[in-house]
Amino acid sequence: MPLKNVPVLRLDHPERVEELKEEYNLKRRLYPESQQVAISFAGKRSPEYTAVKAVAKVLADITQNEGDILLVIVEQDFAKALGMLLRQFAKQRHIICLDRIHAVEGDYVDIGKSVSGIVPVAVKTLIFKS
């Protein structure tokens, strides 16, 4: 920390766990392997434990050969549960799991150092005049 200008990869269908790997690999090709990325998705409002566990397992598996930080951003309020499960499946990595943040494909995020348990996050969207 801090992390700056981290591109967001938006996963559109996290409920389709079996298709997440294909979707992630397709979008991940846009960036160099050494580039830190943030994985973003909406998720259900109140997901079941088994669904969160399945997503955590897939995310840990598909990113296992990447850097030492696994950064996940979810729109709904279940980052703590997801983060704890990711910690089980990706033991060798640092897990950053944030919730209640809307980030889409093409956005960039900055994550600052924690201050009194609060982590400052900025989501940046580039807009070009046409």
C-alpha atoms as a PDB file:
ATOM      1  CA  MET A   1       0.000   0.000   0.000  1.00  0.00           C
ATOM      2  CA  PRO A   2      -0.611   2.444  -1.427  1.00  0.00           C
ATOM      3  CA  LEU A   3      -1.647   1.105  -4.836  1.00  0.00           C
ATOM      4  CA  LYS A   4      -2.141   3.563  -7.678  1.00  0.00           C
ATOM      5  CA  ASN A   5      -3.684   3.344 -11.136  1.00  0.00           C
ATOM      6  CA  VAL A   6      -4.786  -0.277 -10.856  1.00  0.00           C
ATOM      7  CA  PRO A   7      -6.999  -1.223 -13.839  1.00  0.00           C
ATOM      8  CA  VAL A   8     -10.361  -2.816 -13.130  1.00  0.00           C
ATOM      9  CA  LEU A   9     -11.460  -6.099 -14.718  1.00  0.00           C
ATOM     10  CA  ARG A  10     -15.224  -6.354 -14.382  1.00  0.00           C
ATOM     11  CA  LEU A  11     -16.650  -9.871 -14.209  1.00  0.00           C
ATOM     12  CA  ASP A  12     -20.196  -9.737 -15.511  1.00  0.00           C
ATOM     13  CA  HIS A  13     -21.531 -13.097 -14.336  1.00  0.00           C
ATOM     14  CA  PRO A  14     -20.005 -14.147 -10.994  1.00  0.00           C
ATOM     15  CA  GLU A  15     -22.967 -16.449 -10.372  1.00  0.00           C
ATOM     16  CA  ARG A  16     -21.784 -18.626 -13.286  1.00  0.00           C
ATOM     17  CA  VAL A  17     -18.738 -19.953 -11.487  1.00  0.00           C
ATOM     18  CA  GLU A  18     -17.810 -22.402 -14.234  1.00  0.00           C
ATOM     19  CA  GLU A  19     -17.586 -19.556 -16.787  1.00  0.00           C
ATOM     20  CA  LEU A  20     -15.580 -17.148 -14.604  1.00  0.00           C
ATOM     21  CA  LYS A  21     -12.248 -18.594 -15.689  1.00  0.00           C
ATOM     22  CA  GLU A  22     -12.965 -18.000 -19.384  1.00  0.00           C
ATOM     23  CA  GLU A  23     -14.285 -14.496 -18.780  1.00  0.00           C
ATOM     24  CA  TYR A  24     -11.324 -13.567 -16.590  1.00  0.00           C
ATOM     25  CA  ASN A  25      -8.718 -14.964 -19.002  1.00  0.00           C
ATOM     26  CA  LEU A  26     -10.293 -13.140 -21.937  1.00  0.00           C
ATOM     27  CA  LYS A  27     -10.244  -9.786 -20.158  1.00  0.00           C
ATOM     28  CA  ARG A  28      -6.871 -10.336 -18.463  1.00  0.00           C
ATOM     29  CA  ARG A  29      -5.135 -10.545 -21.857  1.00  0.00           C
ATOM     30  CA  LEU A  30      -5.569  -6.783 -22.219  1.00  0.00           C
ATOM     31  CA  TYR A  31      -2.873  -6.157 -19.603  1.00  0.00           C
ATOM     32  CA  PRO A  32       0.712  -7.379 -19.161  1.00  0.00           C
ATOM     33  CA  GLU A  33       1.123 -10.346 -16.823  1.00  0.00           C
ATOM     34  CA  SER A  34       3.135  -8.193 -14.419  1.00  0.00           C
ATOM     35  CA  GLN A  35       0.345  -5.577 -14.171  1.00  0.00           C
ATOM     36  CA  GLN A  36      -1.638  -5.572 -10.921  1.00  0.00           C
ATOM     37  CA  VAL A  37      -5.370  -5.661 -11.655  1.00  0.00           C
ATOM     38  CA  ALA A  38      -8.505  -5.314  -9.546  1.00  0.00           C
ATOM     39  CA  ILE A  39     -11.305  -7.824 -10.048  1.00  0.00           C
ATOM     40  CA  SER A  40     -14.727  -6.222  -9.779  1.00  0.00           C
ATOM     41  CA  PHE A  41     -18.250  -7.626  -9.790  1.00  0.00           C
ATOM     42  CA  ALA A  42     -21.681  -6.833  -8.389  1.00  0.00           C
ATOM     43  CA  GLY A  43     -22.765 -10.077  -6.760  1.00  0.00           C
ATOM     44  CA  LYS A  44     -26.088 -10.804  -5.124  1.00  0.00           C
ATOM     45  CA  ARG A  45     -27.440  -8.646  -2.324  1.00  0.00           C
ATOM     46  CA  SER A  46     -27.425 -11.502   0.218  1.00  0.00           C
ATOM     47  CA  PRO A  47     -25.437 -14.379  -1.267  1.00  0.00           C
ATOM     48  CA  GLU A  48     -25.452 -17.812   0.289  1.00  0.00           C
ATOM     49  CA  TYR A  49     -22.262 -19.029   1.941  1.00  0.00           C
ATOM     50  CA  THR A  50     -21.808 -21.793  -0.628  1.00  0.00           C
ATOM     51  CA  ALA A  51     -22.008 -19.276  -3.497  1.00  0.00           C
ATOM     52  CA  VAL A  52     -19.428 -16.967  -1.884  1.00  0.00           C
ATOM     53  CA  LYS A  53     -17.171 -19.947  -1.197  1.00  0.00           C
ATOM     54  CA  ALA A  54     -17.416 -21.105  -4.826  1.00  0.00           C
ATOM     55  CA  VAL A  55     -16.511 -17.635  -6.147  1.00  0.00           C
ATOM     56  CA  ALA A  56     -13.600 -17.376  -3.700  1.00  0.00           C
ATOM     57  CA  LYS A  57     -12.246 -20.753  -4.796  1.00  0.00           C
ATOM     58  CA  VAL A  58     -12.435 -19.856  -8.495  1.00  0.00           C
ATOM     59  CA  LEU A  59     -10.854 -16.416  -7.977  1.00  0.00           C
ATOM     60  CA  ALA A  60      -7.984 -17.955  -6.017  1.00  0.00           C
ATOM     61  CA  ASP A  61      -7.469 -20.608  -8.702  1.00  0.00           C
ATOM     62  CA  ILE A  62      -7.557 -18.331 -11.755  1.00  0.00           C
ATOM     63  CA  THR A  63      -5.179 -15.785 -10.219  1.00  0.00           C
ATOM     64  CA  GLN A  64      -2.746 -18.191  -8.539  1.00  0.00           C
ATOM     65  CA  ASN A  65       0.154 -17.429 -10.912  1.00  0.00           C
ATOM     66  CA  GLU A  66      -0.177 -13.667 -10.620  1.00  0.00           C
ATOM     67  CA  GLY A  67       1.399 -11.184  -8.198  1.00  0.00           C
ATOM     68  CA  ASP A  68       1.361 -11.424  -4.438  1.00  0.00           C
ATOM     69  CA  ILE A  69      -1.738  -9.189  -4.063  1.00  0.00           C
ATOM     70  CA  LEU A  70      -5.255 -10.343  -4.875  1.00  0.00           C
ATOM     71  CA  LEU A  71      -7.471  -7.259  -5.102  1.00  0.00           C
ATOM     72  CA  VAL A  72     -11.238  -7.811  -5.293  1.00  0.00           C
ATOM     73  CA  ILE A  73     -13.952  -5.137  -5.320  1.00  0.00           C
ATOM     74  CA  VAL A  74     -17.629  -6.034  -4.870  1.00  0.00           C
ATOM     75  CA  GLU A  75     -20.674  -3.786  -4.987  1.00  0.00           C
ATOM     76  CA  GLN A  76     -22.671  -5.626  -2.350  1.00  0.00           C
ATOM     77  CA  ASP A  77     -21.844  -5.931   1.349  1.00  0.00           C
ATOM     78  CA  PHE A  78     -20.017  -9.261   1.635  1.00  0.00           C
ATOM     79  CA  ALA A  79     -16.318  -8.419   1.252  1.00  0.00           C
ATOM     80  CA  LYS A  80     -15.433  -9.593   4.746  1.00  0.00           C
ATOM     81  CA  ALA A  81     -16.850 -13.070   4.146  1.00  0.00           C
ATOM     82  CA  LEU A  82     -15.305 -13.243   0.667  1.00  0.00           C
ATOM     83  CA  GLY A  83     -11.949 -12.009   1.968  1.00  0.00           C
ATOM     84  CA  MET A  84     -11.851 -14.586   4.751  1.00  0.00           C
ATOM     85  CA  LEU A  85     -12.573 -17.365   2.258  1.00  0.00           C
ATOM     86  CA  LEU A  86      -9.972 -16.014  -0.178  1.00  0.00           C
ATOM     87  CA  ARG A  87      -7.448 -16.099   2.649  1.00  0.00           C
ATOM     88  CA  GLN A  88      -8.118 -19.843   3.012  1.00  0.00           C
ATOM     89  CA  PHE A  89      -7.729 -20.574  -0.701  1.00  0.00           C
ATOM     90  CA  ALA A  90      -4.866 -18.164  -1.487  1.00  0.00           C
ATOM     91  CA  LYS A  91      -2.770 -18.482   1.659  1.00  0.00           C
ATOM     92  CA  GLN A  92       0.485 -17.262   0.145  1.00  0.00           C
ATOM     93  CA  ARG A  93      -1.016 -13.970  -1.108  1.00  0.00           C
ATOM     94  CA  HIS A  94      -2.060 -10.670   0.396  1.00  0.00           C
ATOM     95  CA  ILE A  95      -5.829 -10.263   0.104  1.00  0.00           C
ATOM     96  CA  ILE A  96      -7.521  -6.891  -0.325  1.00  0.00           C
ATOM     97  CA  CYS A  97     -11.280  -7.276  -0.564  1.00  0.00           C
ATOM     98  CA  LEU A  98     -13.413  -4.122  -0.624  1.00  0.00           C
ATOM     99  CA  ASP A  99     -17.171  -3.765  -0.805  1.00  0.00           C
ATOM    100  CA  ARG A 100     -19.827  -1.175  -1.562  1.00  0.00           C
ATOM    101  CA  ILE A 101     -17.770   0.201  -4.443  1.00  0.00           C
ATOM    102  CA  HIS A 102     -19.009   0.391  -8.026  1.00  0.00           C
ATOM    103  CA  ALA A 103     -16.103  -0.068 -10.445  1.00  0.00           C
ATOM    104  CA  VAL A 104     -16.491  -1.058 -14.082  1.00  0.00           C
ATOM    105  CA  GLU A 105     -14.295  -2.136 -16.972  1.00  0.00           C
ATOM    106  CA  GLY A 106     -12.000   0.724 -17.930  1.00  0.00           C
ATOM    107  CA  ASP A 107     -11.922   2.299 -14.466  1.00  0.00           C
ATOM    108  CA  TYR A 108      -8.753   2.618 -12.412  1.00  0.00           C
ATOM    109  CA  VAL A 109      -8.525   2.485  -8.622  1.00  0.00           C
ATOM    110  CA  ASP A 110      -6.170   4.034  -6.104  1.00  0.00           C
ATOM    111  CA  ILE A 111      -6.002   2.485  -2.644  1.00  0.00           C
ATOM    112  CA  GLY A 112      -4.293   4.357   0.158  1.00  0.00           C
ATOM    113  CA  LYS A 113      -2.879   3.288   3.502  1.00  0.00           C
ATOM    114  CA  SER A 114      -5.369   2.441   6.208  1.00  0.00           C
ATOM    115  CA  VAL A 115      -6.049   5.259   8.665  1.00  0.00           C
ATOM    116  CA  SER A 116      -7.775   4.154  11.885  1.00  0.00           C
ATOM    117  CA  GLY A 117      -9.199   1.103  10.138  1.00  0.00           C
ATOM    118  CA  ILE A 118     -10.525   3.095   7.170  1.00  0.00           C
ATOM    119  CA  VAL A 119      -9.020   2.529   3.727  1.00  0.00           C
ATOM    120  CA  PRO A 120      -9.264   5.443   1.286  1.00  0.00           C
ATOM    121  CA  VAL A 121     -10.267   4.329  -2.224  1.00  0.00           C
ATOM    122  CA  ALA A 122     -10.599   6.455  -5.366  1.00  0.00           C
ATOM    123  CA  VAL A 123     -12.268   5.096  -8.492  1.00  0.00           C
ATOM    124  CA  LYS A 124     -11.219   6.966 -11.626  1.00  0.00           C
ATOM    125  CA  THR A 125     -13.043   6.890 -14.938  1.00  0.00           C
ATOM    126  CA  LEU A 126     -11.377   8.323 -18.002  1.00  0.00           C
ATOM    127  CA  ILE A 127     -13.602  10.410 -20.236  1.00  0.00           C
ATOM    128  CA  PHE A 128     -12.442  11.610 -23.612  1.00  0.00           C
ATOM    129  CA  LYS A 129     -13.975  14.496 -25.503  1.00  0.00           C
ATOM    130  CA  SER A 130     -15.072  13.434 -28.974  1.00  0.00           C
END
